[in-house]
Every structure is written in C-alpha cells, then in structure tokens.
C-alpha cells in the first residue's frame, strides 16, 4: 500500500516538473518565433499541454478528494476554451487585415500563391517611402 502511494506521489511530482518544462520550452519558442500566427499556435498548444500535465500531477498528489474534482473541472474548462480563444484572436487579426511578412518575393517562391502573402515594400501599408503604397498615398499632400 505504501509502495503504491510512493509511486503515485513520484508520478505526480514528475508530471508537474514535465509540465513546467513544457511551459518553459514554450516561452522560449514564443521568443524565438518571428510572426504572430506562429506564436499564437505555440502559445495555445504549449499552454494546453503544460497546464494539462501540471494539473494531472496535482490531481495525483491530492488523492481522492474534493480538490481532485475541482482540478478536473478546471482542466475540462481550460481545455475547452484555450483553443477557442486562440482561434478567436488569430481570426480577428486575420479579419482586421494583419498579414505576416515573407522573406522571398512572390516570383521567387516555390510555394503556392495561396500560401504566400507577398507583401513587398511597394505594397506594404506601413511603408511611407513609396508614394503608391497605402501609407504613401495617405501621407501625400499633393
């Protein structure tokens, strides 16, 4: 009986450490990735995986109690809402017109034109250097 309790305790602590490591790697990944959509995917997945493992570890440590039931309810609501929230944020960014910048111009890309956004300096809405860009037309006084 005591051996099983020791195994459950060790497994619970291990899951908590693994969850914290997953979260730490996720923070590092968010800092290394360069565009909004990649960061939002990593953030939602890492949060779900890290939170899941930490919560399951806490459930194993708390044993059969009301705290385990509360953690289970918290886990279910978290897993139901994290992907919906990330989707809503990414969709609102897309609808508002936020696009990521590409490294290669569209004519040099091997990818499909559907996957390639193709923002060039001339079509960049934030670039004031070109008079034909949206920002240049907005700032021209002629």
Protein backbone atom coordinates (compact mmCIF):
# COMPACT_ATOMS: atom_id res chain seq x y z
CA UNK A 1 0.00 0.00 0.00
CA UNK A 2 2.79 2.41 0.89
CA UNK A 3 4.68 1.47 -2.26
CA UNK A 4 1.70 2.40 -4.45
CA UNK A 5 1.32 5.73 -2.63
CA UNK A 6 5.00 6.44 -3.18
CA UNK A 7 4.71 5.64 -6.89
CA UNK A 8 1.67 7.91 -7.27
CA UNK A 9 3.47 10.71 -5.44
CA UNK A 10 6.57 10.35 -7.58
CA UNK A 11 4.46 10.25 -10.76
CA UNK A 12 2.56 13.36 -9.68
CA UNK A 13 5.74 15.29 -8.97
CA UNK A 14 7.27 14.12 -12.25
CA UNK A 15 4.23 15.28 -14.20
CA UNK A 16 4.40 18.70 -12.56
CA UNK A 17 8.08 19.05 -13.46
CA UNK A 18 7.39 17.91 -17.04
CA UNK A 19 4.56 20.45 -17.30
CA UNK A 20 6.82 23.23 -16.10
CA UNK A 21 9.49 22.17 -18.62
CA UNK A 22 6.93 22.18 -21.43
CA UNK A 23 5.84 25.66 -20.41
CA UNK A 24 9.46 26.83 -20.26
CA UNK A 25 10.19 25.49 -23.74
CA UNK A 26 7.03 27.20 -24.94
CA UNK A 27 8.15 30.55 -23.60
CA UNK A 28 11.49 30.09 -25.33
CA UNK A 29 9.73 29.17 -28.59
CA UNK A 30 7.49 32.21 -28.43
CA UNK A 31 10.55 34.41 -28.04
CA UNK A 32 12.32 32.74 -30.97
CA UNK A 33 9.44 32.70 -33.47
CA UNK A 34 9.08 35.75 -35.65
CA UNK A 35 5.45 36.10 -36.65
CA UNK A 36 2.16 36.47 -34.85
CA UNK A 37 0.44 33.36 -36.19
CA UNK A 38 3.30 31.02 -35.29
CA UNK A 39 3.41 32.50 -31.82
CA UNK A 40 -0.33 32.11 -31.32
CA UNK A 41 -0.23 28.42 -32.31
CA UNK A 42 2.69 27.70 -30.00
CA UNK A 43 1.12 29.64 -27.17
CA UNK A 44 -2.17 27.76 -27.31
CA UNK A 45 -0.61 24.31 -27.69
CA UNK A 46 2.03 24.82 -25.03
CA UNK A 47 -0.45 26.27 -22.60
CA UNK A 48 -2.78 23.32 -23.08
CA UNK A 49 -0.04 20.70 -22.74
CA UNK A 50 1.74 22.37 -19.83
CA UNK A 51 -1.46 23.07 -17.95
CA UNK A 52 -2.72 19.52 -18.58
CA UNK A 53 0.39 17.84 -17.20
CA UNK A 54 0.69 20.15 -14.20
CA UNK A 55 -3.00 19.70 -13.35
CA UNK A 56 -2.89 15.91 -13.71
CA UNK A 57 0.19 15.87 -11.49
CA UNK A 58 -1.62 17.97 -8.89
CA UNK A 59 -4.61 15.64 -9.12
CA UNK A 60 -2.37 12.64 -8.42
CA UNK A 61 -0.79 14.43 -5.46
CA UNK A 62 -4.12 15.49 -3.95
CA UNK A 63 -5.52 11.96 -3.99
CA UNK A 64 -9.23 11.17 -3.93
CA UNK A 65 -10.67 14.41 -2.56
CA UNK A 66 -12.85 17.35 -3.47
CA UNK A 67 -9.70 19.15 -4.64
CA UNK A 68 -9.22 16.50 -7.34
CA UNK A 69 -12.75 17.05 -8.57
CA UNK A 70 -12.21 20.81 -8.67
CA UNK A 71 -8.98 20.34 -10.60
CA UNK A 72 -10.76 18.07 -13.06
CA UNK A 73 -13.49 20.65 -13.68
CA UNK A 74 -10.84 23.34 -14.09
CA UNK A 75 -8.95 21.13 -16.54
CA UNK A 76 -12.03 20.44 -18.66
CA UNK A 77 -12.95 24.13 -18.92
CA UNK A 78 -9.36 25.08 -19.71
CA UNK A 79 -9.07 22.52 -22.49
CA UNK A 80 -12.41 23.62 -23.95
CA UNK A 81 -11.56 27.30 -24.00
CA UNK A 82 -7.84 27.53 -24.84
CA UNK A 83 -8.19 26.52 -28.48
CA UNK A 84 -11.33 28.59 -28.99
CA UNK A 85 -9.62 31.65 -27.53
CA UNK A 86 -6.52 31.23 -29.67
CA UNK A 87 -8.68 30.75 -32.75
CA UNK A 88 -10.71 33.88 -31.96
CA UNK A 89 -7.58 36.01 -31.53
CA UNK A 90 -5.96 34.71 -34.72
CA UNK A 91 -9.19 35.08 -36.72
CA UNK A 92 -9.73 38.64 -35.54
CA UNK A 93 -6.17 39.50 -36.52
CA UNK A 94 -6.72 37.99 -39.97
CA UNK A 95 -10.06 39.77 -40.45
CA UNK A 96 -8.58 43.09 -39.36
CA UNK A 97 -6.01 42.75 -42.13
CA UNK A 98 -2.91 41.69 -40.23
CA UNK A 99 -0.62 39.71 -42.53
CA UNK A 100 2.81 38.32 -41.91
CA UNK A 101 5.76 39.40 -43.97
CA UNK A 102 7.52 36.95 -46.24
CA UNK A 103 11.23 36.62 -46.78
CA UNK A 104 11.19 35.92 -50.51
CA UNK A 105 9.29 37.88 -53.14
CA UNK A 106 6.31 36.08 -54.71
CA UNK A 107 8.03 35.42 -58.05
CA UNK A 108 10.96 33.64 -56.35
CA UNK A 109 8.80 31.49 -54.11
CA UNK A 110 8.14 27.82 -54.79
CA UNK A 111 5.06 27.82 -52.57
CA UNK A 112 1.54 28.18 -53.86
CA UNK A 113 0.33 31.74 -54.24
CA UNK A 114 -2.47 30.92 -51.80
CA UNK A 115 0.06 30.28 -49.05
CA UNK A 116 2.24 33.24 -49.95
CA UNK A 117 1.12 36.63 -48.71
CA UNK A 118 3.60 38.53 -50.87
CA UNK A 119 3.89 41.87 -49.13
CA UNK A 120 6.54 43.85 -50.97
CA UNK A 121 7.93 47.26 -49.99
CA UNK A 122 5.69 48.86 -52.64
CA UNK A 123 2.50 47.25 -51.29
CA UNK A 124 3.37 47.45 -47.60
CA UNK A 125 0.64 49.50 -45.89
CA UNK A 126 3.12 50.72 -43.27
CA UNK A 127 5.89 51.83 -45.63
CA UNK A 128 5.96 55.60 -46.20
CA UNK A 129 8.86 55.53 -48.68
CA UNK A 130 6.75 54.57 -51.70
CA UNK A 131 4.11 57.06 -52.86
CA UNK A 132 1.94 54.28 -54.32
CA UNK A 133 1.74 52.35 -51.07
CA UNK A 134 -1.33 52.89 -48.88
CA UNK A 135 0.76 54.78 -46.32
CA UNK A 136 2.39 56.91 -49.01
CA UNK A 137 -0.99 57.85 -50.52
CA UNK A 138 -2.31 58.70 -47.09
CA UNK A 139 0.67 60.92 -46.28
CA UNK A 140 0.95 62.70 -49.64
CA UNK A 141 -0.18 66.30 -49.65
CA UNK A 142 -0.41 66.76 -53.38
